[in-house]
Amino acid sequence: PSTEAEVAAALTWAIERSSESTYLRLCSIPCILPYPADPAPEMRPGIGSIVRDGGDVSIIAYGPVMLAQAYGAAQQLANAGISVRVLNLPWLNRVDATWLAGAIAGTRLLVTLDDHYVRGGQGEMILAALAEHAWPTGLRAARVGLHDVPACGHNDEVLAHHGLDEAGLARTIRGLL
């Protein structure tokens, strides 16, 4: 969850509706959201939301830190004429493949963004769900995240070191296109 409203919605959903175990990840570092947050998000398992619309690339992220980086990268890429859709998928253990296929429809590159190791991350789950559902024609995909031991330092330094800051993400996406 990225906002207090999303945290409240997730807790309400988990307590009132889920018969399964639930994990809620809270971000305790300062983070400014560069996009308008949904004041009353509806929590539906496996379904996220579109934070920014675009037609060339879809980036899927979660949490305030990585969503802010994805949004910033989308703004940088827009200056270069590349239109990026940013999606928030707060479910790390579920994906609704029908929703996902519709949410990324029309884009030619899908980038999944994990702020930890890509192996076993949300990106693998997303790509597996798409493969089992029906891979969109002409879609390329890339998982972006950690491939080695994370560096130590302040959050901004670590993100930049691993290319997970907005500038690094923009460079990676330009390279993939």
N, C-alpha and C. Protein backbone atom coordinates (compact mmCIF):
# COMPACT_ATOMS: atom_id res chain seq x y z
N PRO A 1 0.81 -1.20 0.00
CA PRO A 1 0.00 0.00 0.00
C PRO A 1 0.85 1.26 0.00
N SER A 2 0.39 2.28 -0.72
CA SER A 2 1.17 3.51 -0.87
C SER A 2 0.67 4.66 -0.03
N THR A 3 -0.58 4.63 0.40
CA THR A 3 -1.14 5.74 1.15
C THR A 3 -1.87 5.19 2.38
N GLU A 4 -2.20 6.11 3.29
CA GLU A 4 -2.96 5.69 4.47
C GLU A 4 -4.29 5.05 4.07
N ALA A 5 -4.92 5.59 3.01
CA ALA A 5 -6.20 5.03 2.56
C ALA A 5 -6.01 3.60 2.04
N GLU A 6 -4.90 3.35 1.31
CA GLU A 6 -4.64 2.01 0.82
C GLU A 6 -4.34 1.05 1.97
N VAL A 7 -3.61 1.53 2.98
CA VAL A 7 -3.32 0.69 4.15
C VAL A 7 -4.63 0.33 4.84
N ALA A 8 -5.49 1.32 5.05
CA ALA A 8 -6.77 1.07 5.71
C ALA A 8 -7.61 0.10 4.89
N ALA A 9 -7.66 0.28 3.58
CA ALA A 9 -8.44 -0.62 2.72
C ALA A 9 -7.88 -2.03 2.77
N ALA A 10 -6.54 -2.17 2.74
CA ALA A 10 -5.92 -3.49 2.78
C ALA A 10 -6.21 -4.18 4.11
N LEU A 11 -6.10 -3.44 5.21
CA LEU A 11 -6.38 -4.02 6.52
C LEU A 11 -7.84 -4.46 6.63
N THR A 12 -8.73 -3.61 6.16
CA THR A 12 -10.16 -3.95 6.20
C THR A 12 -10.43 -5.20 5.38
N TRP A 13 -9.86 -5.25 4.18
CA TRP A 13 -10.05 -6.42 3.33
C TRP A 13 -9.51 -7.67 4.02
N ALA A 14 -8.31 -7.58 4.57
CA ALA A 14 -7.67 -8.73 5.20
C ALA A 14 -8.46 -9.22 6.40
N ILE A 15 -8.94 -8.31 7.20
CA ILE A 15 -9.64 -8.68 8.41
C ILE A 15 -11.05 -9.19 8.12
N GLU A 16 -11.76 -8.52 7.24
CA GLU A 16 -13.17 -8.84 7.02
C GLU A 16 -13.43 -9.88 5.94
N ARG A 17 -12.54 -9.99 4.95
CA ARG A 17 -12.88 -10.82 3.79
C ARG A 17 -11.97 -12.01 3.54
N SER A 18 -10.73 -11.93 3.94
CA SER A 18 -9.79 -12.98 3.59
C SER A 18 -9.86 -14.15 4.56
N SER A 19 -9.92 -15.34 4.01
CA SER A 19 -9.88 -16.53 4.85
C SER A 19 -8.46 -17.09 4.87
N GLU A 20 -7.56 -16.43 4.17
CA GLU A 20 -6.17 -16.88 4.09
C GLU A 20 -5.29 -15.98 4.95
N SER A 21 -4.04 -16.41 5.13
CA SER A 21 -3.10 -15.55 5.86
C SER A 21 -2.83 -14.30 5.02
N THR A 22 -2.50 -13.22 5.69
CA THR A 22 -2.30 -11.95 5.01
C THR A 22 -1.02 -11.30 5.51
N TYR A 23 -0.30 -10.69 4.58
CA TYR A 23 0.94 -9.99 4.90
C TYR A 23 0.77 -8.55 4.45
N LEU A 24 1.05 -7.61 5.32
CA LEU A 24 0.95 -6.21 4.99
C LEU A 24 2.32 -5.57 5.18
N ARG A 25 2.87 -5.02 4.10
CA ARG A 25 4.19 -4.41 4.14
C ARG A 25 4.02 -2.90 4.29
N LEU A 26 4.62 -2.35 5.32
CA LEU A 26 4.55 -0.91 5.55
C LEU A 26 5.89 -0.29 5.24
N CYS A 27 5.86 0.87 4.61
CA CYS A 27 7.07 1.61 4.27
C CYS A 27 7.27 2.69 5.32
N SER A 28 8.44 2.68 5.97
CA SER A 28 8.65 3.63 7.05
C SER A 28 9.67 4.72 6.70
N ILE A 29 10.14 4.74 5.44
CA ILE A 29 11.08 5.79 5.05
C ILE A 29 10.29 6.94 4.41
N PRO A 30 10.80 8.15 4.50
CA PRO A 30 10.10 9.28 3.87
C PRO A 30 9.99 9.07 2.36
N CYS A 31 8.82 9.30 1.83
CA CYS A 31 8.60 9.12 0.40
C CYS A 31 7.49 10.06 -0.06
N ILE A 32 7.80 10.85 -1.07
CA ILE A 32 6.81 11.76 -1.64
C ILE A 32 6.20 11.10 -2.86
N LEU A 33 4.88 11.02 -2.89
CA LEU A 33 4.20 10.45 -4.05
C LEU A 33 4.05 11.53 -5.11
N PRO A 34 4.60 11.30 -6.31
CA PRO A 34 4.50 12.32 -7.36
C PRO A 34 3.21 12.21 -8.18
N TYR A 35 2.29 11.38 -7.73
CA TYR A 35 1.03 11.16 -8.45
C TYR A 35 -0.11 11.25 -7.45
N PRO A 36 -1.30 11.55 -7.92
CA PRO A 36 -2.44 11.63 -6.99
C PRO A 36 -2.84 10.23 -6.51
N ALA A 37 -2.93 10.07 -5.22
CA ALA A 37 -3.30 8.78 -4.65
C ALA A 37 -4.81 8.65 -4.59
N ASP A 38 -5.29 7.43 -4.76
CA ASP A 38 -6.72 7.14 -4.65
C ASP A 38 -7.12 7.27 -3.18
N PRO A 39 -8.05 8.17 -2.86
CA PRO A 39 -8.41 8.38 -1.45
C PRO A 39 -9.20 7.23 -0.85
N ALA A 40 -9.83 6.41 -1.67
CA ALA A 40 -10.62 5.29 -1.17
C ALA A 40 -10.48 4.10 -2.12
N PRO A 41 -9.30 3.46 -2.12
CA PRO A 41 -9.09 2.37 -3.06
C PRO A 41 -9.93 1.14 -2.73
N GLU A 42 -10.40 0.49 -3.77
CA GLU A 42 -11.13 -0.75 -3.58
C GLU A 42 -10.12 -1.89 -3.68
N MET A 43 -10.07 -2.73 -2.68
CA MET A 43 -9.12 -3.83 -2.68
C MET A 43 -9.81 -5.07 -3.25
N ARG A 44 -9.34 -5.50 -4.42
CA ARG A 44 -9.82 -6.73 -5.02
C ARG A 44 -8.61 -7.60 -5.30
N PRO A 45 -8.60 -8.82 -4.78
CA PRO A 45 -7.42 -9.68 -4.91
C PRO A 45 -6.93 -9.78 -6.35
N GLY A 46 -5.63 -9.50 -6.53
CA GLY A 46 -5.00 -9.65 -7.83
C GLY A 46 -5.21 -8.50 -8.79
N ILE A 47 -5.94 -7.50 -8.38
CA ILE A 47 -6.26 -6.37 -9.27
C ILE A 47 -5.63 -5.10 -8.72
N GLY A 48 -4.98 -4.37 -9.59
CA GLY A 48 -4.33 -3.13 -9.21
C GLY A 48 -5.02 -1.93 -9.83
N SER A 49 -4.23 -0.90 -10.08
CA SER A 49 -4.79 0.32 -10.66
C SER A 49 -3.76 0.97 -11.57
N ILE A 50 -4.26 1.78 -12.49
CA ILE A 50 -3.37 2.53 -13.39
C ILE A 50 -3.09 3.87 -12.74
N VAL A 51 -1.82 4.14 -12.47
CA VAL A 51 -1.38 5.38 -11.82
C VAL A 51 -1.12 6.45 -12.87
N ARG A 52 -0.63 6.03 -14.03
CA ARG A 52 -0.34 6.94 -15.14
C ARG A 52 -0.59 6.18 -16.42
N ASP A 53 -1.27 6.81 -17.38
CA ASP A 53 -1.56 6.12 -18.63
C ASP A 53 -0.48 6.42 -19.66
N GLY A 54 -0.28 5.48 -20.55
CA GLY A 54 0.69 5.61 -21.62
C GLY A 54 0.50 4.48 -22.62
N GLY A 55 1.11 4.60 -23.78
CA GLY A 55 0.84 3.63 -24.83
C GLY A 55 2.00 2.79 -25.31
N ASP A 56 3.26 3.13 -24.94
CA ASP A 56 4.40 2.37 -25.45
C ASP A 56 4.86 1.28 -24.49
N VAL A 57 4.96 1.62 -23.22
CA VAL A 57 5.53 0.74 -22.20
C VAL A 57 4.58 0.68 -21.01
N SER A 58 4.49 -0.50 -20.39
CA SER A 58 3.80 -0.64 -19.10
C SER A 58 4.84 -1.02 -18.06
N ILE A 59 4.85 -0.29 -16.95
CA ILE A 59 5.68 -0.65 -15.80
C ILE A 59 4.74 -1.05 -14.67
N ILE A 60 5.00 -2.21 -14.09
CA ILE A 60 4.22 -2.65 -12.93
C ILE A 60 5.12 -2.61 -11.71
N ALA A 61 4.66 -1.89 -10.68
CA ALA A 61 5.41 -1.75 -9.44
C ALA A 61 4.43 -1.82 -8.28
N TYR A 62 4.97 -1.71 -7.07
CA TYR A 62 4.16 -1.72 -5.85
C TYR A 62 4.90 -0.94 -4.78
N GLY A 63 4.16 -0.40 -3.86
CA GLY A 63 4.75 0.35 -2.75
C GLY A 63 5.14 1.75 -3.16
N PRO A 64 5.16 2.65 -2.20
CA PRO A 64 5.38 4.06 -2.51
C PRO A 64 6.76 4.36 -3.09
N VAL A 65 7.79 3.68 -2.66
CA VAL A 65 9.13 3.98 -3.14
C VAL A 65 9.26 3.61 -4.62
N MET A 66 8.92 2.39 -4.98
CA MET A 66 9.12 1.94 -6.35
C MET A 66 8.09 2.56 -7.30
N LEU A 67 6.89 2.80 -6.82
CA LEU A 67 5.90 3.48 -7.68
C LEU A 67 6.36 4.91 -7.98
N ALA A 68 6.94 5.58 -6.99
CA ALA A 68 7.45 6.93 -7.22
C ALA A 68 8.59 6.91 -8.24
N GLN A 69 9.47 5.92 -8.16
CA GLN A 69 10.58 5.81 -9.12
C GLN A 69 10.05 5.51 -10.52
N ALA A 70 9.08 4.60 -10.61
CA ALA A 70 8.48 4.27 -11.91
C ALA A 70 7.80 5.49 -12.52
N TYR A 71 7.09 6.24 -11.70
CA TYR A 71 6.41 7.44 -12.17
C TYR A 71 7.41 8.48 -12.66
N GLY A 72 8.49 8.67 -11.91
CA GLY A 72 9.52 9.62 -12.32
C GLY A 72 10.19 9.19 -13.61
N ALA A 73 10.45 7.88 -13.76
CA ALA A 73 11.03 7.37 -15.01
C ALA A 73 10.08 7.62 -16.17
N ALA A 74 8.79 7.43 -15.93
CA ALA A 74 7.78 7.67 -16.99
C ALA A 74 7.80 9.14 -17.41
N GLN A 75 7.96 10.03 -16.46
CA GLN A 75 8.03 11.46 -16.80
C GLN A 75 9.29 11.76 -17.62
N GLN A 76 10.42 11.19 -17.22
CA GLN A 76 11.65 11.40 -17.99
C GLN A 76 11.51 10.85 -19.41
N LEU A 77 10.93 9.67 -19.54
CA LEU A 77 10.77 9.06 -20.86
C LEU A 77 9.78 9.84 -21.71
N ALA A 78 8.77 10.44 -21.09
CA ALA A 78 7.82 11.26 -21.85
C ALA A 78 8.54 12.42 -22.53
N ASN A 79 9.55 12.97 -21.87
CA ASN A 79 10.34 14.05 -22.46
C ASN A 79 11.10 13.59 -23.70
N ALA A 80 11.30 12.28 -23.82
CA ALA A 80 11.99 11.69 -24.98
C ALA A 80 11.00 11.11 -25.98
N GLY A 81 9.70 11.36 -25.75
CA GLY A 81 8.68 10.88 -26.68
C GLY A 81 8.24 9.45 -26.46
N ILE A 82 8.56 8.88 -25.31
CA ILE A 82 8.16 7.51 -24.99
C ILE A 82 7.04 7.58 -23.96
N SER A 83 5.91 6.99 -24.29
CA SER A 83 4.71 7.06 -23.45
C SER A 83 4.65 5.82 -22.55
N VAL A 84 4.64 6.05 -21.22
CA VAL A 84 4.72 4.96 -20.26
C VAL A 84 3.48 4.91 -19.37
N ARG A 85 2.89 3.74 -19.28
CA ARG A 85 1.78 3.47 -18.36
C ARG A 85 2.38 2.88 -17.09
N VAL A 86 2.01 3.42 -15.95
CA VAL A 86 2.49 2.91 -14.66
C VAL A 86 1.32 2.27 -13.94
N LEU A 87 1.51 1.03 -13.54
CA LEU A 87 0.47 0.28 -12.84
C LEU A 87 0.91 -0.06 -11.43
N ASN A 88 0.00 0.08 -10.49
CA ASN A 88 0.22 -0.31 -9.11
C ASN A 88 -0.46 -1.65 -8.90
N LEU A 89 0.33 -2.69 -8.62
CA LEU A 89 -0.24 -4.00 -8.31
C LEU A 89 0.23 -4.36 -6.90
N PRO A 90 -0.57 -3.99 -5.88
CA PRO A 90 -0.12 -4.17 -4.50
C PRO A 90 -0.16 -5.61 -4.01
N TRP A 91 -0.64 -6.52 -4.82
CA TRP A 91 -0.73 -7.93 -4.43
C TRP A 91 0.56 -8.63 -4.82
N LEU A 92 1.35 -9.02 -3.86
CA LEU A 92 2.60 -9.70 -4.16
C LEU A 92 2.43 -11.20 -4.32
N ASN A 93 1.25 -11.70 -4.01
CA ASN A 93 1.01 -13.13 -4.11
C ASN A 93 -0.17 -13.49 -5.01
N ARG A 94 -0.74 -12.52 -5.68
CA ARG A 94 -1.89 -12.78 -6.56
C ARG A 94 -1.86 -11.85 -7.75
N VAL A 95 -2.32 -12.37 -8.87
CA VAL A 95 -2.52 -11.51 -10.04
C VAL A 95 -3.72 -12.04 -10.81
N ASP A 96 -4.62 -11.16 -11.15
CA ASP A 96 -5.76 -11.49 -11.98
C ASP A 96 -5.31 -11.30 -13.43
N ALA A 97 -5.05 -12.40 -14.12
CA ALA A 97 -4.48 -12.34 -15.47
C ALA A 97 -5.41 -11.64 -16.46
N THR A 98 -6.69 -11.76 -16.29
CA THR A 98 -7.63 -11.08 -17.19
C THR A 98 -7.52 -9.57 -17.01
N TRP A 99 -7.50 -9.12 -15.74
CA TRP A 99 -7.32 -7.68 -15.47
C TRP A 99 -5.98 -7.22 -16.03
N LEU A 100 -4.93 -7.98 -15.77
CA LEU A 100 -3.59 -7.60 -16.19
C LEU A 100 -3.49 -7.47 -17.70
N ALA A 101 -4.01 -8.45 -18.43
CA ALA A 101 -3.95 -8.39 -19.89
C ALA A 101 -4.65 -7.14 -20.41
N GLY A 102 -5.77 -6.79 -19.81
CA GLY A 102 -6.47 -5.57 -20.22
C GLY A 102 -5.72 -4.31 -19.83
N ALA A 103 -5.08 -4.34 -18.67
CA ALA A 103 -4.37 -3.16 -18.17
C ALA A 103 -3.13 -2.82 -18.99
N ILE A 104 -2.50 -3.83 -19.59
CA ILE A 104 -1.28 -3.58 -20.37
C ILE A 104 -1.55 -3.58 -21.87
N ALA A 105 -2.81 -3.78 -22.25
CA ALA A 105 -3.17 -3.88 -23.67
C ALA A 105 -2.68 -2.67 -24.45
N GLY A 106 -2.10 -2.95 -25.61
CA GLY A 106 -1.66 -1.88 -26.50
C GLY A 106 -0.22 -1.45 -26.30
N THR A 107 0.40 -1.82 -25.18
CA THR A 107 1.80 -1.47 -24.99
C THR A 107 2.68 -2.57 -25.58
N ARG A 108 3.90 -2.19 -25.96
CA ARG A 108 4.77 -3.17 -26.62
C ARG A 108 5.85 -3.72 -25.72
N LEU A 109 6.02 -3.10 -24.54
CA LEU A 109 7.01 -3.57 -23.58
C LEU A 109 6.41 -3.54 -22.19
N LEU A 110 6.57 -4.66 -21.46
CA LEU A 110 6.14 -4.75 -20.07
C LEU A 110 7.38 -4.86 -19.21
N VAL A 111 7.49 -3.96 -18.23
CA VAL A 111 8.60 -3.98 -17.29
C VAL A 111 8.03 -4.22 -15.91
N THR A 112 8.45 -5.30 -15.27
CA THR A 112 8.06 -5.54 -13.88
C THR A 112 9.19 -5.05 -13.00
N LEU A 113 8.84 -4.41 -11.92
CA LEU A 113 9.82 -3.73 -11.07
C LEU A 113 9.73 -4.28 -9.65
N ASP A 114 10.81 -4.94 -9.22
CA ASP A 114 10.90 -5.44 -7.85
C ASP A 114 12.02 -4.72 -7.13
N ASP A 115 11.82 -4.38 -5.87
CA ASP A 115 12.88 -3.73 -5.10
C ASP A 115 13.64 -4.76 -4.26
N HIS A 116 13.71 -5.95 -4.80
CA HIS A 116 14.48 -7.04 -4.18
C HIS A 116 14.88 -7.97 -5.32
N TYR A 117 15.29 -9.18 -5.01
CA TYR A 117 15.72 -10.10 -6.06
C TYR A 117 14.59 -10.39 -7.04
N VAL A 118 14.93 -10.42 -8.33
CA VAL A 118 13.91 -10.71 -9.34
C VAL A 118 13.50 -12.17 -9.29
N ARG A 119 14.43 -13.04 -8.91
CA ARG A 119 14.10 -14.47 -8.81
C ARG A 119 13.12 -14.67 -7.66
N GLY A 120 11.96 -15.20 -7.96
CA GLY A 120 10.93 -15.42 -6.95
C GLY A 120 10.11 -14.18 -6.64
N GLY A 121 10.31 -13.11 -7.39
CA GLY A 121 9.60 -11.87 -7.13
C GLY A 121 8.26 -11.77 -7.84
N GLN A 122 7.65 -10.61 -7.69
CA GLN A 122 6.35 -10.37 -8.30
C GLN A 122 6.43 -10.49 -9.83
N GLY A 123 7.55 -10.07 -10.41
CA GLY A 123 7.70 -10.14 -11.86
C GLY A 123 7.52 -11.55 -12.40
N GLU A 124 8.09 -12.54 -11.71
CA GLU A 124 7.92 -13.94 -12.14
C GLU A 124 6.45 -14.34 -12.11
N MET A 125 5.76 -13.93 -11.05
CA MET A 125 4.34 -14.28 -10.92
C MET A 125 3.53 -13.62 -12.04
N ILE A 126 3.83 -12.38 -12.35
CA ILE A 126 3.11 -11.65 -13.40
C ILE A 126 3.33 -12.31 -14.75
N LEU A 127 4.58 -12.60 -15.08
CA LEU A 127 4.87 -13.20 -16.38
C LEU A 127 4.29 -14.60 -16.50
N ALA A 128 4.31 -15.37 -15.41
CA ALA A 128 3.70 -16.70 -15.44
C ALA A 128 2.19 -16.60 -15.64
N ALA A 129 1.56 -15.65 -14.98
CA ALA A 129 0.10 -15.48 -15.13
C ALA A 129 -0.25 -15.12 -16.57
N LEU A 130 0.54 -14.23 -17.17
CA LEU A 130 0.29 -13.85 -18.57
C LEU A 130 0.51 -15.03 -19.51
N ALA A 131 1.57 -15.80 -19.25
CA ALA A 131 1.87 -16.96 -20.10
C ALA A 131 0.76 -17.99 -20.03
N GLU A 132 0.19 -18.19 -18.86
CA GLU A 132 -0.89 -19.17 -18.70
C GLU A 132 -2.21 -18.64 -19.23
N HIS A 133 -2.38 -17.34 -19.22
CA HIS A 133 -3.64 -16.72 -19.66
C HIS A 133 -3.68 -16.64 -21.18
N ALA A 134 -2.83 -15.88 -21.75
CA ALA A 134 -2.68 -15.72 -23.20
C ALA A 134 -1.74 -14.54 -23.39
N TRP A 135 -0.51 -14.84 -23.76
CA TRP A 135 0.49 -13.78 -23.91
C TRP A 135 0.06 -12.81 -25.00
N PRO A 136 0.01 -11.52 -24.71
CA PRO A 136 -0.39 -10.54 -25.73
C PRO A 136 0.58 -10.54 -26.92
N THR A 137 0.03 -10.55 -28.11
CA THR A 137 0.82 -10.57 -29.33
C THR A 137 1.75 -9.36 -29.39
N GLY A 138 3.01 -9.62 -29.70
CA GLY A 138 3.98 -8.56 -29.88
C GLY A 138 4.55 -7.97 -28.60
N LEU A 139 4.15 -8.50 -27.45
CA LEU A 139 4.62 -7.94 -26.18
C LEU A 139 5.97 -8.53 -25.79
N ARG A 140 6.92 -7.64 -25.48
CA ARG A 140 8.19 -8.06 -24.89
C ARG A 140 8.11 -7.75 -23.41
N ALA A 141 8.89 -8.48 -22.62
CA ALA A 141 8.85 -8.26 -21.17
C ALA A 141 10.24 -8.32 -20.58
N ALA A 142 10.43 -7.58 -19.49
CA ALA A 142 11.69 -7.59 -18.75
C ALA A 142 11.39 -7.45 -17.27
N ARG A 143 12.13 -8.21 -16.48
CA ARG A 143 12.04 -8.09 -15.02
C ARG A 143 13.22 -7.24 -14.56
N VAL A 144 12.93 -6.18 -13.83
CA VAL A 144 13.98 -5.29 -13.33
C VAL A 144 13.96 -5.38 -11.81
N GLY A 145 15.13 -5.56 -11.25
CA GLY A 145 15.28 -5.68 -9.80
C GLY A 145 16.70 -6.09 -9.49
N LEU A 146 16.89 -6.72 -8.34
CA LEU A 146 18.22 -7.10 -7.90
C LEU A 146 18.62 -8.47 -8.44
N HIS A 147 19.88 -8.56 -8.85
CA HIS A 147 20.44 -9.83 -9.32
C HIS A 147 21.62 -10.25 -8.45
N ASP A 148 22.05 -9.37 -7.53
CA ASP A 148 23.16 -9.68 -6.66
C ASP A 148 22.89 -9.08 -5.28
N VAL A 149 23.84 -9.22 -4.39
CA VAL A 149 23.68 -8.74 -3.02
C VAL A 149 23.46 -7.23 -3.04
N PRO A 150 22.44 -6.74 -2.36
CA PRO A 150 22.17 -5.30 -2.36
C PRO A 150 23.30 -4.50 -1.72
N ALA A 151 23.52 -3.33 -2.28
CA ALA A 151 24.50 -2.40 -1.71
C ALA A 151 23.96 -1.82 -0.42
N CYS A 152 24.85 -1.28 0.39
CA CYS A 152 24.46 -0.60 1.62
C CYS A 152 24.55 0.90 1.40
N GLY A 153 23.72 1.63 2.09
CA GLY A 153 23.75 3.08 2.01
C GLY A 153 22.38 3.65 2.24
N HIS A 154 22.25 4.94 2.01
CA HIS A 154 20.95 5.59 2.10
C HIS A 154 20.08 5.09 0.95
N ASN A 155 18.79 5.14 1.14
CA ASN A 155 17.86 4.59 0.16
C ASN A 155 18.13 5.09 -1.26
N ASP A 156 18.29 6.42 -1.42
CA ASP A 156 18.55 6.98 -2.75
C ASP A 156 19.84 6.44 -3.35
N GLU A 157 20.87 6.27 -2.52
CA GLU A 157 22.14 5.74 -3.00
C GLU A 157 22.01 4.30 -3.47
N VAL A 158 21.29 3.50 -2.70
CA VAL A 158 21.12 2.09 -3.04
C VAL A 158 20.30 1.95 -4.32
N LEU A 159 19.23 2.70 -4.42
CA LEU A 159 18.41 2.66 -5.64
C LEU A 159 19.25 3.04 -6.86
N ALA A 160 20.02 4.11 -6.76
CA ALA A 160 20.86 4.55 -7.88
C ALA A 160 21.92 3.50 -8.22
N HIS A 161 22.55 2.93 -7.22
CA HIS A 161 23.59 1.93 -7.44
C HIS A 161 23.06 0.75 -8.26
N HIS A 162 21.85 0.34 -7.99
CA HIS A 162 21.25 -0.82 -8.67
C HIS A 162 20.43 -0.43 -9.90
N GLY A 163 20.42 0.86 -10.25
CA GLY A 163 19.66 1.30 -11.41
C GLY A 163 18.16 1.25 -11.20
N LEU A 164 17.74 1.31 -9.93
CA LEU A 164 16.31 1.26 -9.61
C LEU A 164 15.73 2.64 -9.32
N ASP A 165 16.53 3.68 -9.43
CA ASP A 165 16.02 5.04 -9.30
C ASP A 165 15.41 5.45 -10.64
N GLU A 166 14.72 6.58 -10.68
CA GLU A 166 14.02 6.96 -11.90
C GLU A 166 14.96 7.12 -13.09
N ALA A 167 16.15 7.67 -12.88
CA ALA A 167 17.10 7.84 -13.99
C ALA A 167 17.58 6.48 -14.50
N GLY A 168 17.88 5.57 -13.59
CA GLY A 168 18.33 4.24 -13.97
C GLY A 168 17.25 3.46 -14.70
N LEU A 169 16.03 3.57 -14.20
CA LEU A 169 14.90 2.89 -14.87
C LEU A 169 14.68 3.45 -16.27
N ALA A 170 14.76 4.76 -16.41
CA ALA A 170 14.59 5.37 -17.73
C ALA A 170 15.67 4.88 -18.69
N ARG A 171 16.92 4.80 -18.22
CA ARG A 171 18.02 4.28 -19.06
C ARG A 171 17.75 2.83 -19.46
N THR A 172 17.34 2.02 -18.49
CA THR A 172 17.07 0.60 -18.77
C THR A 172 15.96 0.45 -19.82
N ILE A 173 14.90 1.20 -19.65
CA ILE A 173 13.78 1.10 -20.59
C ILE A 173 14.16 1.58 -21.98
N ARG A 174 14.91 2.68 -22.06
CA ARG A 174 15.39 3.13 -23.38
C ARG A 174 16.22 2.04 -24.04
N GLY A 175 17.07 1.37 -23.26
CA GLY A 175 17.88 0.28 -23.78
C GLY A 175 17.05 -0.91 -24.24
N LEU A 176 15.97 -1.19 -23.56
CA LEU A 176 15.11 -2.31 -23.94
C LEU A 176 14.31 -2.00 -25.20
N LEU A 177 14.01 -0.73 -25.42
CA LEU A 177 13.25 -0.35 -26.62
C LEU A 177 14.16 -0.31 -27.83
